[in-house]
C-alpha atoms as a PDB file:
ATOM      1  CA  MET A   1      35.367  58.364   4.033  1.00  0.00           C
ATOM      2  CA  ILE A   2      35.592  61.966   2.874  1.00  0.00           C
ATOM      3  CA  VAL A   3      35.162  62.384  -0.890  1.00  0.00           C
ATOM      4  CA  VAL A   4      36.207  65.478  -2.834  1.00  0.00           C
ATOM      5  CA  ASN A   5      33.725  66.572  -5.527  1.00  0.00           C
ATOM      6  CA  LEU A   6      35.796  69.477  -6.813  1.00  0.00           C
ATOM      7  CA  ASP A   7      35.810  68.201 -10.391  1.00  0.00           C
ATOM      8  CA  ARG A   8      31.992  68.266 -10.468  1.00  0.00           C
ATOM      9  CA  VAL A   9      31.872  71.775  -8.983  1.00  0.00           C
ATOM     10  CA  LEU A  10      34.380  73.010 -11.571  1.00  0.00           C
ATOM     11  CA  VAL A  11      32.254  71.620 -14.411  1.00  0.00           C
ATOM     12  CA  ASP A  12      29.053  73.084 -12.932  1.00  0.00           C
ATOM     13  CA  ARG A  13      30.675  76.509 -12.590  1.00  0.00           C
ATOM     14  CA  LYS A  14      32.498  76.249 -15.959  1.00  0.00           C
ATOM     15  CA  VAL A  15      35.843  77.049 -14.307  1.00  0.00           C
ATOM     16  CA  LYS A  16      39.165  75.709 -15.595  1.00  0.00           C
ATOM     17  CA  SER A  17      41.493  74.101 -13.062  1.00  0.00           C
ATOM     18  CA  LYS A  18      44.393  76.190 -14.313  1.00  0.00           C
ATOM     19  CA  ASP A  19      42.504  79.437 -13.724  1.00  0.00           C
ATOM     20  CA  LEU A  20      41.297  78.390 -10.277  1.00  0.00           C
ATOM     21  CA  ALA A  21      44.767  77.310  -9.171  1.00  0.00           C
ATOM     22  CA  LYS A  22      46.178  80.675 -10.175  1.00  0.00           C
ATOM     23  CA  LYS A  23      43.425  82.623  -8.380  1.00  0.00           C
ATOM     24  CA  ILE A  24      43.904  80.817  -5.069  1.00  0.00           C
ATOM     25  CA  GLY A  25      47.697  80.611  -5.240  1.00  0.00           C
ATOM     26  CA  LEU A  26      47.947  76.842  -5.575  1.00  0.00           C
ATOM     27  CA  SER A  27      50.020  74.872  -8.042  1.00  0.00           C
ATOM     28  CA  GLU A  28      48.096  73.074 -10.772  1.00  0.00           C
ATOM     29  CA  ASN A  29      49.638  69.836  -9.527  1.00  0.00           C
ATOM     30  CA  ASN A  30      48.315  70.332  -5.998  1.00  0.00           C
ATOM     31  CA  LEU A  31      44.875  71.291  -7.280  1.00  0.00           C
ATOM     32  CA  SER A  32      44.884  68.147  -9.414  1.00  0.00           C
ATOM     33  CA  ARG A  33      45.679  66.077  -6.325  1.00  0.00           C
ATOM     34  CA  ILE A  34      42.712  67.620  -4.525  1.00  0.00           C
ATOM     35  CA  LYS A  35      40.419  66.976  -7.522  1.00  0.00           C
ATOM     36  CA  THR A  36      41.407  63.310  -7.671  1.00  0.00           C
ATOM     37  CA  ASN A  37      40.956  62.842  -3.912  1.00  0.00           C
ATOM     38  CA  ASN A  38      44.659  62.026  -3.666  1.00  0.00           C
ATOM     39  CA  ILE A  39      45.274  64.029  -0.491  1.00  0.00           C
ATOM     40  CA  ARG A  40      45.435  63.269   3.207  1.00  0.00           C
ATOM     41  CA  ALA A  41      44.628  66.776   4.420  1.00  0.00           C
ATOM     42  CA  MET A  42      43.590  70.199   3.192  1.00  0.00           C
ATOM     43  CA  ARG A  43      44.283  73.533   4.811  1.00  0.00           C
ATOM     44  CA  PHE A  44      41.285  75.608   5.761  1.00  0.00           C
ATOM     45  CA  SER A  45      42.849  78.486   3.849  1.00  0.00           C
ATOM     46  CA  THR A  46      42.796  76.342   0.688  1.00  0.00           C
ATOM     47  CA  LEU A  47      39.186  75.304   1.301  1.00  0.00           C
ATOM     48  CA  ASN A  48      38.307  78.946   1.950  1.00  0.00           C
ATOM     49  CA  GLY A  49      39.930  79.995  -1.340  1.00  0.00           C
ATOM     50  CA  LEU A  50      38.112  77.273  -3.267  1.00  0.00           C
ATOM     51  CA  CYS A  51      34.753  78.275  -1.790  1.00  0.00           C
ATOM     52  CA  ARG A  52      35.399  81.982  -2.315  1.00  0.00           C
ATOM     53  CA  GLU A  53      36.367  81.619  -5.982  1.00  0.00           C
ATOM     54  CA  LEU A  54      33.705  79.031  -6.813  1.00  0.00           C
ATOM     55  CA  GLY A  55      30.900  80.733  -4.873  1.00  0.00           C
ATOM     56  CA  CYS A  56      30.072  77.580  -2.955  1.00  0.00           C
ATOM     57  CA  LYS A  57      30.089  76.059   0.527  1.00  0.00           C
ATOM     58  CA  PRO A  58      32.481  73.375   1.828  1.00  0.00           C
ATOM     59  CA  GLY A  59      29.659  70.828   1.603  1.00  0.00           C
ATOM     60  CA  ASP A  60      29.510  71.384  -2.146  1.00  0.00           C
ATOM     61  CA  ILE A  61      33.139  70.299  -2.439  1.00  0.00           C
ATOM     62  CA  LEU A  62      33.395  67.696   0.324  1.00  0.00           C
ATOM     63  CA  ASP A  63      31.097  64.755   0.974  1.00  0.00           C
ATOM     64  CA  TYR A  64      31.042  62.054   3.644  1.00  0.00           C
ATOM     65  CA  ILE A  65      30.384  58.432   2.755  1.00  0.00           C
ATOM     66  CA  PRO A  66      30.287  56.000   5.690  1.00  0.00           C
ATOM     67  CA  ASP A  67      32.797  53.169   5.517  1.00  0.00           C
ATOM     68  CA  GLU A  68      31.251  49.729   5.141  1.00  0.00           C
ATOM     69  CA  ASP A  69      32.498  48.701   8.592  1.00  0.00           C
ATOM     70  CA  ASP A  70      30.828  51.722  10.286  1.00  0.00           C
END
C-alpha cells in the first residue's frame, strides 16, 4: 500500500495547506484529499510541484507499506 505523508511534511516545513495549494495551482479540496490519502492516483506534475515547493523528494511524501497478504 502506498501511504501519503504530506501532512507530516507540511508540519515539518511549517507550510500551510492553503498556501501550498495556491503555489502549485491545486484546489484546497484536492490537496486535502492527497493529505488524507483519499486518492487513487496523482499526476507527476502535482508530485513535482509538491516536491519543488516543499524542497523535498517524492520519498519524503510517499511511503510503501507491504500489504499483509504480500
